[in-house]
């Protein structure tokens, strides 16, 4: 936990955000899709860009580290938790609207909700995201993708809060998109709002694609079990899940962590898994695949906090 002098820090935070949206010593296992993770010193649930800016200003004043969380997918929080403050962008910052072909979504909006919103307004180009289990802010941060689509193809601009609480709009090449990469992994700015450039589409065709991608996810991925999504990045010229399956690792367990028997590219929490269980299983998979195929697997999952 933070030292007692940061009672002053909490008091300042309560001027920027209502007490019911500021949680102390909060178990991160409640806020991640893996259902794993120790406590955060503070967890704040902002409801506006203005609140985010005020919180960042205060954390800078008190030199408190900040960790950003969206829907809690694609992350593994370690067993001792996260020091400092966690900013969680949830439904309070999940507003979705559109103007013509442009859809604007708050960072906390779930990708599935944005996909369905676009479909309702006959806008196409975002169907690929229907099965990605995360928020749009996290998806931009990681340049998430599925079914031959990725965020870089549709993101027009991003409004973010940067150091000290100032607002900045990033567009075009400023976003520095690459494979599972964006500029926000470098600059420390917090994604608050995302603008998507979509196109007019035929409603029936859009919904056929949404249904097809949803069925594929339900039948091929272990969505019934807690996980962080796909565990490893795609190695050049290969698919991680295929290599792991060929290595005979499907169903392999360490503690409560298991390589999914449904899709080997996923490590799941089969019951009571700790972060150390997951890390040990990741290492085992990496070693086995490298020894058998000479291919290095790199985690796609972000690892946060203290071991």
Protein backbone atom coordinates (compact mmCIF):
# COMPACT_ATOMS: atom_id res chain seq x y z
CA UNK A 1 0.00 0.00 0.00
CA UNK A 2 0.96 3.62 -0.44
CA UNK A 3 2.48 5.34 2.58
CA UNK A 4 0.26 7.30 4.95
CA UNK A 5 1.26 10.72 3.65
CA UNK A 6 -0.91 9.95 0.61
CA UNK A 7 -4.03 10.49 2.69
CA UNK A 8 -3.61 13.99 1.23
CA UNK A 9 -3.52 12.45 -2.26
CA UNK A 10 -6.82 10.62 -1.65
CA UNK A 11 -8.39 13.81 -0.30
CA UNK A 12 -7.42 15.69 -3.45
CA UNK A 13 -8.76 12.88 -5.64
CA UNK A 14 -12.10 13.09 -3.85
CA UNK A 15 -12.36 16.70 -4.98
CA UNK A 16 -12.06 15.54 -8.61
CA UNK A 17 -14.15 12.38 -8.50
CA UNK A 18 -17.02 11.22 -6.22
CA UNK A 19 -15.95 8.84 -3.43
CA UNK A 20 -18.09 5.99 -4.82
CA UNK A 21 -15.92 6.01 -7.95
CA UNK A 22 -12.62 5.93 -6.06
CA UNK A 23 -11.81 2.49 -4.65
CA UNK A 24 -8.95 1.77 -2.22
CA UNK A 25 -6.98 -1.50 -2.07
CA UNK A 26 -9.24 -2.95 -4.77
CA UNK A 27 -8.62 -6.53 -5.98
CA UNK A 28 -7.79 -6.39 -9.68
CA UNK A 29 -9.14 -9.91 -10.13
CA UNK A 30 -12.57 -8.22 -10.11
CA UNK A 31 -11.59 -6.02 -13.03
CA UNK A 32 -9.79 -8.34 -15.47
CA UNK A 33 -11.18 -10.97 -17.82
CA UNK A 34 -8.51 -13.38 -16.51
CA UNK A 35 -10.02 -13.04 -13.00
CA UNK A 36 -6.45 -12.81 -11.70
CA UNK A 37 -4.55 -10.02 -9.94
CA UNK A 38 -3.67 -8.53 -6.57
CA UNK A 39 -4.90 -5.18 -5.21
CA UNK A 40 -4.47 -1.73 -6.68
CA UNK A 41 -3.63 0.98 -4.16
CA UNK A 42 -6.31 3.17 -5.74
CA UNK A 43 -8.74 2.49 -8.58
CA UNK A 44 -10.57 5.44 -10.12
CA UNK A 45 -13.58 5.22 -12.44
CA UNK A 46 -13.68 8.55 -14.32
CA UNK A 47 -16.86 9.61 -16.11
CA UNK A 48 -15.50 12.38 -18.36
CA UNK A 49 -12.42 13.72 -20.08
CA UNK A 50 -12.45 16.55 -17.56
CA UNK A 51 -12.23 14.10 -14.66
CA UNK A 52 -9.36 12.26 -16.36
CA UNK A 53 -7.50 15.55 -16.80
CA UNK A 54 -8.07 16.50 -13.16
CA UNK A 55 -6.91 13.10 -11.90
CA UNK A 56 -3.74 13.24 -14.01
CA UNK A 57 -2.98 16.72 -12.71
CA UNK A 58 -3.26 15.45 -9.12
CA UNK A 59 -1.16 12.31 -9.73
CA UNK A 60 1.55 14.50 -11.24
CA UNK A 61 1.50 16.79 -8.20
CA UNK A 62 1.97 13.85 -5.83
CA UNK A 63 4.31 11.86 -8.16
CA UNK A 64 1.92 8.88 -8.11
CA UNK A 65 2.29 6.30 -10.93
CA UNK A 66 -0.76 5.76 -13.15
CA UNK A 67 -1.84 2.55 -14.88
CA UNK A 68 -4.67 2.60 -17.42
CA UNK A 69 -7.19 -0.22 -17.74
CA UNK A 70 -10.09 -0.65 -20.13
CA UNK A 71 -12.30 -3.72 -20.02
CA UNK A 72 -9.46 -5.67 -18.38
CA UNK A 73 -8.91 -7.97 -21.33
CA UNK A 74 -5.46 -8.59 -22.82
CA UNK A 75 -3.81 -8.00 -19.43
CA UNK A 76 -2.33 -10.11 -16.67
CA UNK A 77 -2.12 -8.32 -13.32
CA UNK A 78 0.55 -9.84 -11.10
CA UNK A 79 -0.18 -11.30 -7.69
CA UNK A 80 1.02 -8.40 -5.54
CA UNK A 81 -1.15 -5.99 -7.49
CA UNK A 82 -0.47 -2.49 -8.81
CA UNK A 83 1.14 0.36 -6.92
CA UNK A 84 -0.22 3.85 -7.40
CA UNK A 85 -3.48 4.59 -9.16
CA UNK A 86 -5.35 2.55 -11.76
CA UNK A 87 -7.61 4.52 -14.10
CA UNK A 88 -10.34 2.24 -15.37
CA UNK A 89 -12.29 3.39 -18.40
CA UNK A 90 -15.64 1.65 -18.16
CA UNK A 91 -19.28 2.34 -19.08
CA UNK A 92 -19.06 5.82 -17.56
CA UNK A 93 -16.80 6.72 -20.49
CA UNK A 94 -18.49 4.54 -23.09
CA UNK A 95 -20.72 7.01 -24.97
CA UNK A 96 -21.08 6.32 -28.72
CA UNK A 97 -22.31 8.79 -31.34
CA UNK A 98 -21.90 9.44 -35.06
CA UNK A 99 -21.85 12.22 -37.61
CA UNK A 100 -22.18 10.95 -41.16
CA UNK A 101 -19.55 8.25 -41.71
CA UNK A 102 -17.65 9.11 -38.53
CA UNK A 103 -18.37 7.16 -35.35
CA UNK A 104 -17.02 8.66 -32.13
CA UNK A 105 -16.69 6.43 -29.07
CA UNK A 106 -15.48 7.03 -25.54
CA UNK A 107 -12.47 4.94 -24.52
CA UNK A 108 -14.59 2.73 -22.28
CA UNK A 109 -17.01 1.64 -25.02
CA UNK A 110 -16.85 -2.08 -25.70
CA UNK A 111 -15.82 -3.06 -29.22
CA UNK A 112 -18.90 -5.25 -29.60
CA UNK A 113 -21.14 -2.30 -28.70
CA UNK A 114 -19.40 -0.04 -31.24
CA UNK A 115 -19.72 -2.75 -33.93
CA UNK A 116 -23.45 -3.11 -33.24
CA UNK A 117 -23.93 0.68 -33.17
CA UNK A 118 -22.27 1.00 -36.58
CA UNK A 119 -24.49 -1.78 -37.97
CA UNK A 120 -27.62 -0.08 -36.64
CA UNK A 121 -26.68 2.99 -38.67
CA UNK A 122 -25.72 1.06 -41.84
CA UNK A 123 -22.02 1.80 -41.44
CA UNK A 124 -19.49 -0.83 -42.47
CA UNK A 125 -15.80 -1.38 -41.77
CA UNK A 126 -15.91 -2.29 -38.10
CA UNK A 127 -17.44 -5.76 -38.28
CA UNK A 128 -14.07 -7.40 -37.55
CA UNK A 129 -14.13 -6.04 -33.98
CA UNK A 130 -17.37 -7.74 -32.91
CA UNK A 131 -15.51 -10.65 -31.29
CA UNK A 132 -12.62 -8.79 -29.68
CA UNK A 133 -13.31 -8.82 -25.91
CA UNK A 134 -12.18 -5.37 -24.95
CA UNK A 135 -12.77 -1.63 -24.94
CA UNK A 136 -12.04 0.64 -27.87
CA UNK A 137 -9.39 2.54 -25.92
CA UNK A 138 -7.45 -0.63 -25.20
CA UNK A 139 -7.91 -1.77 -28.79
CA UNK A 140 -6.36 1.44 -30.11
CA UNK A 141 -3.51 1.21 -27.60
CA UNK A 142 -2.63 -2.30 -28.88
CA UNK A 143 -3.82 -1.79 -32.48
CA UNK A 144 -5.99 -4.85 -31.93
CA UNK A 145 -7.25 -6.86 -34.86
CA UNK A 146 -9.13 -9.95 -35.99
CA UNK A 147 -10.40 -11.53 -39.22
CA UNK A 148 -8.02 -9.55 -41.46
CA UNK A 149 -9.02 -6.22 -39.91
CA UNK A 150 -7.28 -4.01 -37.35
CA UNK A 151 -7.81 -0.68 -35.67
CA UNK A 152 -5.27 1.14 -37.84
CA UNK A 153 -7.55 0.64 -40.85
CA UNK A 154 -10.45 2.60 -39.37
CA UNK A 155 -9.12 4.98 -36.69
CA UNK A 156 -9.22 8.53 -37.99
CA UNK A 157 -8.15 10.36 -34.84
CA UNK A 158 -7.79 9.98 -31.09
CA UNK A 159 -8.29 12.55 -28.34
CA UNK A 160 -6.02 11.88 -25.37
CA UNK A 161 -5.06 13.48 -22.08
CA UNK A 162 -1.31 13.91 -21.80
CA UNK A 163 1.08 14.66 -18.94
CA UNK A 164 -0.24 17.24 -16.53
CA UNK A 165 -3.80 17.00 -17.84
CA UNK A 166 -3.57 18.71 -21.26
CA UNK A 167 -5.73 17.51 -24.17
CA UNK A 168 -4.18 16.53 -27.52
CA UNK A 169 -5.72 15.20 -30.72
CA UNK A 170 -3.67 12.62 -32.65
CA UNK A 171 -4.42 11.87 -36.30
CA UNK A 172 -2.88 10.13 -39.30
CA UNK A 173 0.82 9.28 -39.01
CA UNK A 174 0.94 10.74 -35.47
CA UNK A 175 -0.77 7.53 -34.30
CA UNK A 176 2.29 5.45 -35.34
CA UNK A 177 0.31 2.26 -35.80
CA UNK A 178 2.20 -1.01 -36.27
CA UNK A 179 1.57 -4.65 -35.48
CA UNK A 180 0.02 -4.55 -31.98
CA UNK A 181 1.53 -1.09 -31.50
CA UNK A 182 0.51 2.56 -31.33
CA UNK A 183 2.11 5.83 -30.27
CA UNK A 184 0.30 5.58 -26.92
CA UNK A 185 2.68 2.82 -25.85
CA UNK A 186 5.46 5.42 -26.13
CA UNK A 187 4.06 8.79 -25.08
CA UNK A 188 2.15 8.06 -21.87
CA UNK A 189 -0.96 9.89 -23.07
CA UNK A 190 -4.32 8.41 -22.05
CA UNK A 191 -6.81 7.62 -24.81
CA UNK A 192 -10.19 9.20 -24.00
CA UNK A 193 -12.10 9.33 -27.29
CA UNK A 194 -11.71 7.55 -30.64
CA UNK A 195 -12.95 8.66 -34.07
CA UNK A 196 -13.61 5.91 -36.64
CA UNK A 197 -13.90 6.58 -40.39
CA UNK A 198 -16.43 4.06 -41.72
CA UNK A 199 -18.41 3.70 -44.96
CA UNK A 200 -22.02 3.32 -46.00
CA UNK A 201 -23.03 -0.33 -46.16
CA UNK A 202 -25.99 -2.60 -46.72
CA UNK A 203 -27.54 -3.51 -43.38
CA UNK A 204 -28.26 -7.15 -44.23
CA UNK A 205 -24.69 -7.76 -45.44
CA UNK A 206 -23.22 -6.07 -42.37
CA UNK A 207 -25.29 -8.28 -40.07
CA UNK A 208 -24.34 -11.43 -41.96
CA UNK A 209 -20.67 -10.62 -41.33
CA UNK A 210 -21.33 -9.85 -37.66
CA UNK A 211 -23.17 -13.15 -37.22
CA UNK A 212 -20.43 -15.07 -39.04
CA UNK A 213 -17.63 -13.60 -36.91
CA UNK A 214 -19.65 -14.16 -33.72
CA UNK A 215 -20.24 -17.84 -34.54
CA UNK A 216 -16.54 -18.33 -35.36
CA UNK A 217 -15.54 -16.87 -32.02
CA UNK A 218 -18.08 -18.91 -30.08
CA UNK A 219 -17.11 -22.20 -31.72
CA UNK A 220 -13.34 -21.76 -31.93
CA UNK A 221 -12.36 -19.75 -28.86
CA UNK A 222 -12.71 -20.66 -25.16
CA UNK A 223 -14.98 -17.73 -24.34
CA UNK A 224 -16.68 -19.75 -21.62
CA UNK A 225 -13.49 -19.66 -19.51
CA UNK A 226 -11.63 -16.68 -17.97
CA UNK A 227 -8.68 -15.62 -20.12
CA UNK A 228 -6.96 -12.52 -21.40
CA UNK A 229 -7.72 -13.37 -25.02
CA UNK A 230 -5.03 -14.55 -27.40
CA UNK A 231 -1.89 -15.07 -25.32
CA UNK A 232 0.84 -14.69 -27.96
CA UNK A 233 1.54 -12.40 -30.88
CA UNK A 234 1.48 -13.99 -34.31
CA UNK A 235 5.06 -14.98 -35.26
CA UNK A 236 6.12 -14.22 -38.83
CA UNK A 237 4.99 -16.96 -41.18
CA UNK A 238 3.19 -18.95 -38.48
CA UNK A 239 0.17 -19.06 -36.21
CA UNK A 240 0.95 -19.31 -32.50
CA UNK A 241 -1.97 -21.63 -31.76
CA UNK A 242 -0.96 -24.06 -34.52
CA UNK A 243 2.64 -24.26 -33.27
CA UNK A 244 1.50 -24.79 -29.68
CA UNK A 245 -0.89 -27.55 -30.73
CA UNK A 246 1.77 -29.26 -32.89
CA UNK A 247 4.09 -29.13 -29.88
CA UNK A 248 1.56 -31.28 -28.02
CA UNK A 249 0.78 -28.65 -25.42
CA UNK A 250 -3.01 -28.50 -25.61
CA UNK A 251 -4.41 -29.09 -22.13
CA UNK A 252 -1.02 -28.59 -20.42
CA UNK A 253 -1.50 -27.10 -16.94
CA UNK A 254 0.55 -25.42 -14.25
CA UNK A 255 -1.49 -24.77 -11.12
CA UNK A 256 -4.81 -23.32 -12.23
CA UNK A 257 -3.48 -22.10 -15.60
CA UNK A 258 -4.09 -24.26 -18.67
CA UNK A 259 -3.45 -24.20 -22.39
CA UNK A 260 -6.99 -24.32 -23.74
CA UNK A 261 -8.11 -27.62 -25.23
CA UNK A 262 -10.40 -25.63 -27.53
CA UNK A 263 -7.78 -23.25 -28.97
CA UNK A 264 -4.10 -23.66 -28.09
CA UNK A 265 -3.43 -19.96 -28.60
CA UNK A 266 -5.27 -19.21 -25.36
CA UNK A 267 -4.11 -19.75 -21.80
CA UNK A 268 -7.16 -19.94 -19.52
CA UNK A 269 -7.84 -19.69 -15.81
CA UNK A 270 -9.19 -23.20 -15.24
CA UNK A 271 -9.82 -22.43 -11.58
CA UNK A 272 -7.84 -20.57 -8.92
CA UNK A 273 -4.95 -19.66 -11.21
CA UNK A 274 -2.38 -17.16 -9.98
CA UNK A 275 -0.36 -14.84 -12.16
CA UNK A 276 2.71 -16.94 -11.36
CA UNK A 277 0.92 -20.01 -12.72
CA UNK A 278 0.23 -18.16 -15.97
CA UNK A 279 3.77 -16.82 -16.29
CA UNK A 280 5.24 -20.29 -15.68
CA UNK A 281 2.97 -21.77 -18.34
CA UNK A 282 3.86 -19.01 -20.81
CA UNK A 283 7.54 -19.80 -20.26
CA UNK A 284 6.93 -23.53 -20.71
CA UNK A 285 5.08 -22.94 -23.98
CA UNK A 286 7.80 -20.58 -25.26
CA UNK A 287 10.57 -23.06 -24.43
CA UNK A 288 8.78 -26.05 -25.99
CA UNK A 289 7.87 -24.26 -29.20
CA UNK A 290 11.36 -22.85 -29.62
CA UNK A 291 13.02 -26.22 -29.01
CA UNK A 292 10.75 -28.02 -31.48
CA UNK A 293 10.36 -25.40 -34.23
CA UNK A 294 12.99 -22.71 -33.63
CA UNK A 295 10.25 -20.06 -33.42
CA UNK A 296 10.15 -17.49 -30.63
CA UNK A 297 6.71 -16.67 -29.23
CA UNK A 298 6.18 -13.27 -27.63
CA UNK A 299 3.27 -12.52 -25.29
CA UNK A 300 0.49 -10.34 -26.63
CA UNK A 301 -0.87 -10.05 -23.09
CA UNK A 302 0.28 -6.94 -21.18
CA UNK A 303 1.81 -7.81 -17.82
CA UNK A 304 1.08 -5.24 -15.12
CA UNK A 305 1.99 -4.79 -11.46
CA UNK A 306 4.30 -6.46 -8.97
CA UNK A 307 5.11 -10.20 -8.83
